[in-house]
Amino acid sequence: MTFNQNISAHICPCCTLCTLMSLTAPKQYATEAAVPAGRMPRVLGTVEVDAPAAVWWCGVHGGAGESTLERIFRGSRASDHRWPIVRLGDPIPAVVLAARTDARGLRAVQRAMREHLESALPVDVVGLVLMADAPGRLPRVLRDLARVVGGTVPRVWSLPWVEAWRAGEVPSPANSPKEADRLAAELRVALGLDQKGRMA
């Protein structure tokens, strides 16, 4: 699996969101068996991946929004609610968790991160995207829970409710909120990449 491979052939060069996905992934490599014996994940499970992706979106529950993120960030991939695992010697995948902002989604993040730590999974959890579960401001109890959950991951991004998506429009860079641009820019920095998508 060649995560070093430049995947710019799949990118729309005129779009900031797409520019993110002309990245190469961090050069960390799997040096042990995919999942240590006796530590098989039970919450999300795993899937062996063999295709290049700069970033993997891992929805921690059904309806988390990982397929939406895959559509608006071309070149990224959704992991079907499982931890993406590479073969021995391949670069460790960069993973961003995705969850809705309701109580179910936020608690699922806690379970997923506990599983990640206890199973010693060979993935690099870069952060978490919280996808709004409804229009408007979160109730205080959910804001408080979101802050607690945010302390378990390196960084958190939030994407607001998009009525057009609810109405049936297919998510794309063209109908994405401005917060997606910020996500793209900050994720590029988090992965240590310059503006051309090369390792800094």
C-alpha atoms as a PDB file:
ATOM      1  CA  MET A   1       0.000   0.000   0.000  1.00  0.00           C
ATOM      2  CA  THR A   2       1.593   3.258  -1.052  1.00  0.00           C
ATOM      3  CA  PHE A   3       0.389   6.026   1.227  1.00  0.00           C
ATOM      4  CA  ASN A   4       3.418   8.029   0.002  1.00  0.00           C
ATOM      5  CA  GLN A   5       1.881   8.054  -3.446  1.00  0.00           C
ATOM      6  CA  ASN A   6       0.743  11.492  -4.590  1.00  0.00           C
ATOM      7  CA  ILE A   7      -2.959  11.146  -5.333  1.00  0.00           C
ATOM      8  CA  SER A   8      -3.338  14.463  -7.102  1.00  0.00           C
ATOM      9  CA  ALA A   9      -4.726  12.667 -10.145  1.00  0.00           C
ATOM     10  CA  HIS A  10      -7.943  12.328  -8.181  1.00  0.00           C
ATOM     11  CA  ILE A  11      -8.071  15.979  -7.133  1.00  0.00           C
ATOM     12  CA  CYS A  12      -9.928  19.009  -8.389  1.00  0.00           C
ATOM     13  CA  PRO A  13      -6.977  21.493  -8.382  1.00  0.00           C
ATOM     14  CA  CYS A  14      -9.098  24.638  -8.156  1.00  0.00           C
ATOM     15  CA  CYS A  15     -10.753  23.796  -4.840  1.00  0.00           C
ATOM     16  CA  THR A  16      -9.307  24.349  -1.374  1.00  0.00           C
ATOM     17  CA  LEU A  17     -11.093  21.275  -0.116  1.00  0.00           C
ATOM     18  CA  CYS A  18      -9.649  19.175  -2.888  1.00  0.00           C
ATOM     19  CA  THR A  19      -6.175  20.655  -2.398  1.00  0.00           C
ATOM     20  CA  LEU A  20      -6.111  19.026   1.017  1.00  0.00           C
ATOM     21  CA  MET A  21      -6.383  15.659  -0.597  1.00  0.00           C
ATOM     22  CA  SER A  22      -3.344  16.089  -2.826  1.00  0.00           C
ATOM     23  CA  LEU A  23      -1.453  15.237   0.341  1.00  0.00           C
ATOM     24  CA  THR A  24       0.952  12.485   1.135  1.00  0.00           C
ATOM     25  CA  ALA A  25       0.425  10.753   4.447  1.00  0.00           C
ATOM     26  CA  PRO A  26       2.690  10.813   7.525  1.00  0.00           C
ATOM     27  CA  LYS A  27       5.692   8.495   7.196  1.00  0.00           C
ATOM     28  CA  GLN A  28       5.035   6.252  10.171  1.00  0.00           C
ATOM     29  CA  TYR A  29       5.070   2.554   9.455  1.00  0.00           C
ATOM     30  CA  ALA A  30       3.373  -0.492  10.926  1.00  0.00           C
ATOM     31  CA  THR A  31       6.104  -2.468  12.666  1.00  0.00           C
ATOM     32  CA  GLU A  32       4.003  -5.056  14.514  1.00  0.00           C
ATOM     33  CA  ALA A  33       1.125  -7.370  13.765  1.00  0.00           C
ATOM     34  CA  ALA A  34      -2.012  -5.505  12.725  1.00  0.00           C
ATOM     35  CA  VAL A  35      -3.780  -6.046  16.061  1.00  0.00           C
ATOM     36  CA  PRO A  36      -1.981  -7.530  19.083  1.00  0.00           C
ATOM     37  CA  ALA A  37      -3.248 -10.939  20.164  1.00  0.00           C
ATOM     38  CA  GLY A  38      -6.053 -10.732  22.688  1.00  0.00           C
ATOM     39  CA  ARG A  39      -6.807  -7.093  21.881  1.00  0.00           C
ATOM     40  CA  MET A  40      -9.245  -7.436  19.008  1.00  0.00           C
ATOM     41  CA  PRO A  41     -11.519  -4.361  18.986  1.00  0.00           C
ATOM     42  CA  ARG A  42     -15.153  -5.019  19.848  1.00  0.00           C
ATOM     43  CA  VAL A  43     -16.694  -1.570  19.428  1.00  0.00           C
ATOM     44  CA  LEU A  44     -15.809  -0.699  15.841  1.00  0.00           C
ATOM     45  CA  GLY A  45     -13.853  -3.671  14.578  1.00  0.00           C
ATOM     46  CA  THR A  46     -11.118  -3.420  11.954  1.00  0.00           C
ATOM     47  CA  VAL A  47     -10.740  -3.582   8.195  1.00  0.00           C
ATOM     48  CA  GLU A  48      -7.534  -4.180   6.268  1.00  0.00           C
ATOM     49  CA  VAL A  49      -7.034  -1.437   3.693  1.00  0.00           C
ATOM     50  CA  ASP A  50      -4.873  -1.567   0.592  1.00  0.00           C
ATOM     51  CA  ALA A  51      -5.760   1.619  -1.289  1.00  0.00           C
ATOM     52  CA  PRO A  52      -4.128   5.045  -0.868  1.00  0.00           C
ATOM     53  CA  ALA A  53      -5.846   7.741   1.154  1.00  0.00           C
ATOM     54  CA  ALA A  54      -4.406  10.847   2.743  1.00  0.00           C
ATOM     55  CA  VAL A  55      -7.001  10.665   5.507  1.00  0.00           C
ATOM     56  CA  TRP A  56      -9.468   8.004   6.642  1.00  0.00           C
ATOM     57  CA  TRP A  57     -12.797   9.092   8.149  1.00  0.00           C
ATOM     58  CA  CYS A  58     -13.997   6.649  10.793  1.00  0.00           C
ATOM     59  CA  GLY A  59     -17.597   7.136  11.851  1.00  0.00           C
ATOM     60  CA  VAL A  60     -17.960   5.900  15.416  1.00  0.00           C
ATOM     61  CA  HIS A  61     -21.664   5.111  14.960  1.00  0.00           C
ATOM     62  CA  GLY A  62     -24.187   4.735  12.161  1.00  0.00           C
ATOM     63  CA  GLY A  63     -25.068   8.039  10.520  1.00  0.00           C
ATOM     64  CA  ALA A  64     -21.956   9.781  11.862  1.00  0.00           C
ATOM     65  CA  GLY A  65     -21.222  11.458   8.533  1.00  0.00           C
ATOM     66  CA  GLU A  66     -18.123   9.628   7.321  1.00  0.00           C
ATOM     67  CA  SER A  67     -19.537   9.156   3.808  1.00  0.00           C
ATOM     68  CA  THR A  68     -20.414  12.866   3.669  1.00  0.00           C
ATOM     69  CA  LEU A  69     -16.836  13.765   4.589  1.00  0.00           C
ATOM     70  CA  GLU A  70     -15.534  11.388   1.929  1.00  0.00           C
ATOM     71  CA  ARG A  71     -17.658  13.168  -0.692  1.00  0.00           C
ATOM     72  CA  ILE A  72     -16.594  16.700   0.198  1.00  0.00           C
ATOM     73  CA  PHE A  73     -12.897  15.889   0.599  1.00  0.00           C
ATOM     74  CA  ARG A  74     -11.958  14.120  -2.599  1.00  0.00           C
ATOM     75  CA  GLY A  75      -9.145  11.633  -2.227  1.00  0.00           C
ATOM     76  CA  SER A  76     -10.042  10.804   1.364  1.00  0.00           C
ATOM     77  CA  ARG A  77     -11.857   7.603   2.228  1.00  0.00           C
ATOM     78  CA  ALA A  78     -14.496   6.436   4.674  1.00  0.00           C
ATOM     79  CA  SER A  79     -13.622   3.308   6.636  1.00  0.00           C
ATOM     80  CA  ASP A  80     -17.178   1.989   7.041  1.00  0.00           C
ATOM     81  CA  HIS A  81     -17.210   2.487  10.830  1.00  0.00           C
ATOM     82  CA  ARG A  82     -14.105   0.364  11.330  1.00  0.00           C
ATOM     83  CA  TRP A  83     -10.487   1.029  12.186  1.00  0.00           C
ATOM     84  CA  PRO A  84      -8.431   0.968   8.942  1.00  0.00           C
ATOM     85  CA  ILE A  85      -5.481  -1.372   9.399  1.00  0.00           C
ATOM     86  CA  VAL A  86      -2.528  -1.660   7.012  1.00  0.00           C
ATOM     87  CA  ARG A  87      -0.218  -4.555   6.314  1.00  0.00           C
ATOM     88  CA  LEU A  88       3.115  -4.884   8.076  1.00  0.00           C
ATOM     89  CA  GLY A  89       5.586  -2.327   6.726  1.00  0.00           C
ATOM     90  CA  ASP A  90       2.963   0.003   5.225  1.00  0.00           C
ATOM     91  CA  PRO A  91       2.566   3.597   6.474  1.00  0.00           C
ATOM     92  CA  ILE A  92       0.222   3.883   9.450  1.00  0.00           C
ATOM     93  CA  PRO A  93      -3.078   5.459   8.338  1.00  0.00           C
ATOM     94  CA  ALA A  94      -4.092   8.913   9.534  1.00  0.00           C
ATOM     95  CA  VAL A  95      -7.617   8.649  10.962  1.00  0.00           C
ATOM     96  CA  VAL A  96     -10.150  11.338  11.811  1.00  0.00           C
ATOM     97  CA  LEU A  97     -13.123  10.157  13.828  1.00  0.00           C
ATOM     98  CA  ALA A  98     -16.601  11.411  12.960  1.00  0.00           C
ATOM     99  CA  ALA A  99     -19.662  11.642  15.185  1.00  0.00           C
ATOM    100  CA  ARG A 100     -22.962  13.464  15.506  1.00  0.00           C
ATOM    101  CA  THR A 101     -23.419  15.960  18.316  1.00  0.00           C
ATOM    102  CA  ASP A 102     -26.237  14.128  20.075  1.00  0.00           C
ATOM    103  CA  ALA A 103     -25.574  12.206  23.291  1.00  0.00           C
ATOM    104  CA  ARG A 104     -25.386   8.879  21.458  1.00  0.00           C
ATOM    105  CA  GLY A 105     -22.727  10.160  19.091  1.00  0.00           C
ATOM    106  CA  LEU A 106     -20.610  11.812  21.764  1.00  0.00           C
ATOM    107  CA  ARG A 107     -20.630   8.737  23.986  1.00  0.00           C
ATOM    108  CA  ALA A 108     -19.658   6.627  20.996  1.00  0.00           C
ATOM    109  CA  VAL A 109     -16.516   8.746  20.654  1.00  0.00           C
ATOM    110  CA  GLN A 110     -15.585   7.946  24.240  1.00  0.00           C
ATOM    111  CA  ARG A 111     -16.020   4.221  23.621  1.00  0.00           C
ATOM    112  CA  ALA A 112     -14.024   4.361  20.395  1.00  0.00           C
ATOM    113  CA  MET A 113     -11.095   6.196  21.968  1.00  0.00           C
ATOM    114  CA  ARG A 114     -11.070   3.812  24.918  1.00  0.00           C
ATOM    115  CA  GLU A 115     -10.945   0.947  22.450  1.00  0.00           C
ATOM    116  CA  HIS A 116      -8.155   2.615  20.475  1.00  0.00           C
ATOM    117  CA  LEU A 117      -5.996   2.928  23.582  1.00  0.00           C
ATOM    118  CA  GLU A 118      -6.755  -0.475  25.062  1.00  0.00           C
ATOM    119  CA  SER A 119      -6.253  -2.333  21.766  1.00  0.00           C
ATOM    120  CA  ALA A 120      -3.032  -0.485  20.899  1.00  0.00           C
ATOM    121  CA  LEU A 121      -4.237  -0.161  17.324  1.00  0.00           C
ATOM    122  CA  PRO A 122      -1.658   0.883  14.710  1.00  0.00           C
ATOM    123  CA  VAL A 123      -3.538   3.980  13.550  1.00  0.00           C
ATOM    124  CA  ASP A 124      -2.803   7.665  14.046  1.00  0.00           C
ATOM    125  CA  VAL A 125      -5.927   9.378  15.387  1.00  0.00           C
ATOM    126  CA  VAL A 126      -5.466  12.945  14.161  1.00  0.00           C
ATOM    127  CA  GLY A 127      -8.718  14.350  15.540  1.00  0.00           C
ATOM    128  CA  LEU A 128     -12.488  14.331  15.580  1.00  0.00           C
ATOM    129  CA  VAL A 129     -15.135  15.958  13.388  1.00  0.00           C
ATOM    130  CA  LEU A 130     -18.398  16.704  15.174  1.00  0.00           C
ATOM    131  CA  MET A 131     -21.243  16.849  12.676  1.00  0.00           C
ATOM    132  CA  ALA A 132     -24.295  18.800  13.836  1.00  0.00           C
ATOM    133  CA  ASP A 133     -27.254  16.502  14.470  1.00  0.00           C
ATOM    134  CA  ALA A 134     -29.795  19.335  14.199  1.00  0.00           C
ATOM    135  CA  PRO A 135     -29.971  23.042  13.342  1.00  0.00           C
ATOM    136  CA  GLY A 136     -29.191  25.618  15.998  1.00  0.00           C
ATOM    137  CA  ARG A 137     -27.117  25.802  19.143  1.00  0.00           C
ATOM    138  CA  LEU A 138     -26.401  22.705  21.182  1.00  0.00           C
ATOM    139  CA  PRO A 139     -28.116  22.428  24.570  1.00  0.00           C
ATOM    140  CA  ARG A 140     -25.781  23.071  27.468  1.00  0.00           C
ATOM    141  CA  VAL A 141     -25.680  19.438  28.550  1.00  0.00           C
ATOM    142  CA  LEU A 142     -24.413  18.435  25.092  1.00  0.00           C
ATOM    143  CA  ARG A 143     -21.931  21.311  24.948  1.00  0.00           C
ATOM    144  CA  ASP A 144     -20.502  20.134  28.257  1.00  0.00           C
ATOM    145  CA  LEU A 145     -20.322  16.539  27.059  1.00  0.00           C
ATOM    146  CA  ALA A 146     -18.663  17.659  23.813  1.00  0.00           C
ATOM    147  CA  ARG A 147     -15.962  19.451  25.814  1.00  0.00           C
ATOM    148  CA  VAL A 148     -15.291  16.321  27.827  1.00  0.00           C
ATOM    149  CA  VAL A 149     -15.124  14.195  24.689  1.00  0.00           C
ATOM    150  CA  GLY A 150     -12.863  16.737  23.004  1.00  0.00           C
ATOM    151  CA  GLY A 151     -10.296  16.157  25.715  1.00  0.00           C
ATOM    152  CA  THR A 152      -9.777  12.586  24.535  1.00  0.00           C
ATOM    153  CA  VAL A 153      -8.561  13.486  21.015  1.00  0.00           C
ATOM    154  CA  PRO A 154      -5.747  15.722  19.712  1.00  0.00           C
ATOM    155  CA  ARG A 155      -8.107  18.249  18.096  1.00  0.00           C
ATOM    156  CA  VAL A 156     -11.783  18.784  17.307  1.00  0.00           C
ATOM    157  CA  TRP A 157     -13.515  20.337  14.305  1.00  0.00           C
ATOM    158  CA  SER A 158     -17.214  21.103  14.017  1.00  0.00           C
ATOM    159  CA  LEU A 159     -19.360  21.191  10.902  1.00  0.00           C
ATOM    160  CA  PRO A 160     -22.782  22.855  11.160  1.00  0.00           C
ATOM    161  CA  TRP A 161     -26.138  21.556  10.025  1.00  0.00           C
ATOM    162  CA  VAL A 162     -26.545  21.835   6.248  1.00  0.00           C
ATOM    163  CA  GLU A 163     -30.184  22.020   5.247  1.00  0.00           C
ATOM    164  CA  ALA A 164     -29.372  21.365   1.589  1.00  0.00           C
ATOM    165  CA  TRP A 165     -27.951  17.957   2.485  1.00  0.00           C
ATOM    166  CA  ARG A 166     -31.053  17.133   4.488  1.00  0.00           C
ATOM    167  CA  ALA A 167     -33.207  18.133   1.523  1.00  0.00           C
ATOM    168  CA  GLY A 168     -31.462  15.628  -0.707  1.00  0.00           C
ATOM    169  CA  GLU A 169     -28.546  17.473  -2.288  1.00  0.00           C
ATOM    170  CA  VAL A 170     -25.481  15.271  -2.595  1.00  0.00           C
ATOM    171  CA  PRO A 171     -22.706  16.645  -0.353  1.00  0.00           C
ATOM    172  CA  SER A 172     -19.876  18.175  -2.370  1.00  0.00           C
ATOM    173  CA  PRO A 173     -17.215  20.886  -2.049  1.00  0.00           C
ATOM    174  CA  ALA A 174     -19.611  23.278  -3.802  1.00  0.00           C
ATOM    175  CA  ASN A 175     -22.364  23.049  -1.170  1.00  0.00           C
ATOM    176  CA  SER A 176     -20.181  22.601   1.907  1.00  0.00           C
ATOM    177  CA  PRO A 177     -20.111  25.131   4.752  1.00  0.00           C
ATOM    178  CA  LYS A 178     -17.176  27.490   5.236  1.00  0.00           C
ATOM    179  CA  GLU A 179     -16.118  25.470   8.271  1.00  0.00           C
ATOM    180  CA  ALA A 180     -15.031  22.743   5.848  1.00  0.00           C
ATOM    181  CA  ASP A 181     -12.338  25.096   4.493  1.00  0.00           C
ATOM    182  CA  ARG A 182     -11.005  25.574   7.998  1.00  0.00           C
ATOM    183  CA  LEU A 183     -11.004  21.825   8.537  1.00  0.00           C
ATOM    184  CA  ALA A 184      -9.019  21.355   5.332  1.00  0.00           C
ATOM    185  CA  ALA A 185      -6.436  23.990   6.241  1.00  0.00           C
ATOM    186  CA  GLU A 186      -5.957  22.829   9.829  1.00  0.00           C
ATOM    187  CA  LEU A 187      -5.793  19.182   8.860  1.00  0.00           C
ATOM    188  CA  ARG A 188      -3.047  19.990   6.375  1.00  0.00           C
ATOM    189  CA  VAL A 189      -1.085  21.618   9.187  1.00  0.00           C
ATOM    190  CA  ALA A 190      -1.789  18.733  11.559  1.00  0.00           C
ATOM    191  CA  LEU A 191      -0.350  16.294   9.026  1.00  0.00           C
ATOM    192  CA  GLY A 192       2.743  18.437   8.548  1.00  0.00           C
ATOM    193  CA  LEU A 193       2.102  19.281   4.912  1.00  0.00           C
ATOM    194  CA  ASP A 194       2.892  22.416   2.953  1.00  0.00           C
ATOM    195  CA  GLN A 195       0.527  24.157   0.538  1.00  0.00           C
ATOM    196  CA  LYS A 196       1.567  21.888  -2.331  1.00  0.00           C
ATOM    197  CA  GLY A 197       0.639  18.823  -0.362  1.00  0.00           C
ATOM    198  CA  ARG A 198       4.273  17.795   0.153  1.00  0.00           C
ATOM    199  CA  MET A 199       5.679  16.749   3.474  1.00  0.00           C
ATOM    200  CA  ALA A 200       7.119  19.828   5.187  1.00  0.00           C
END
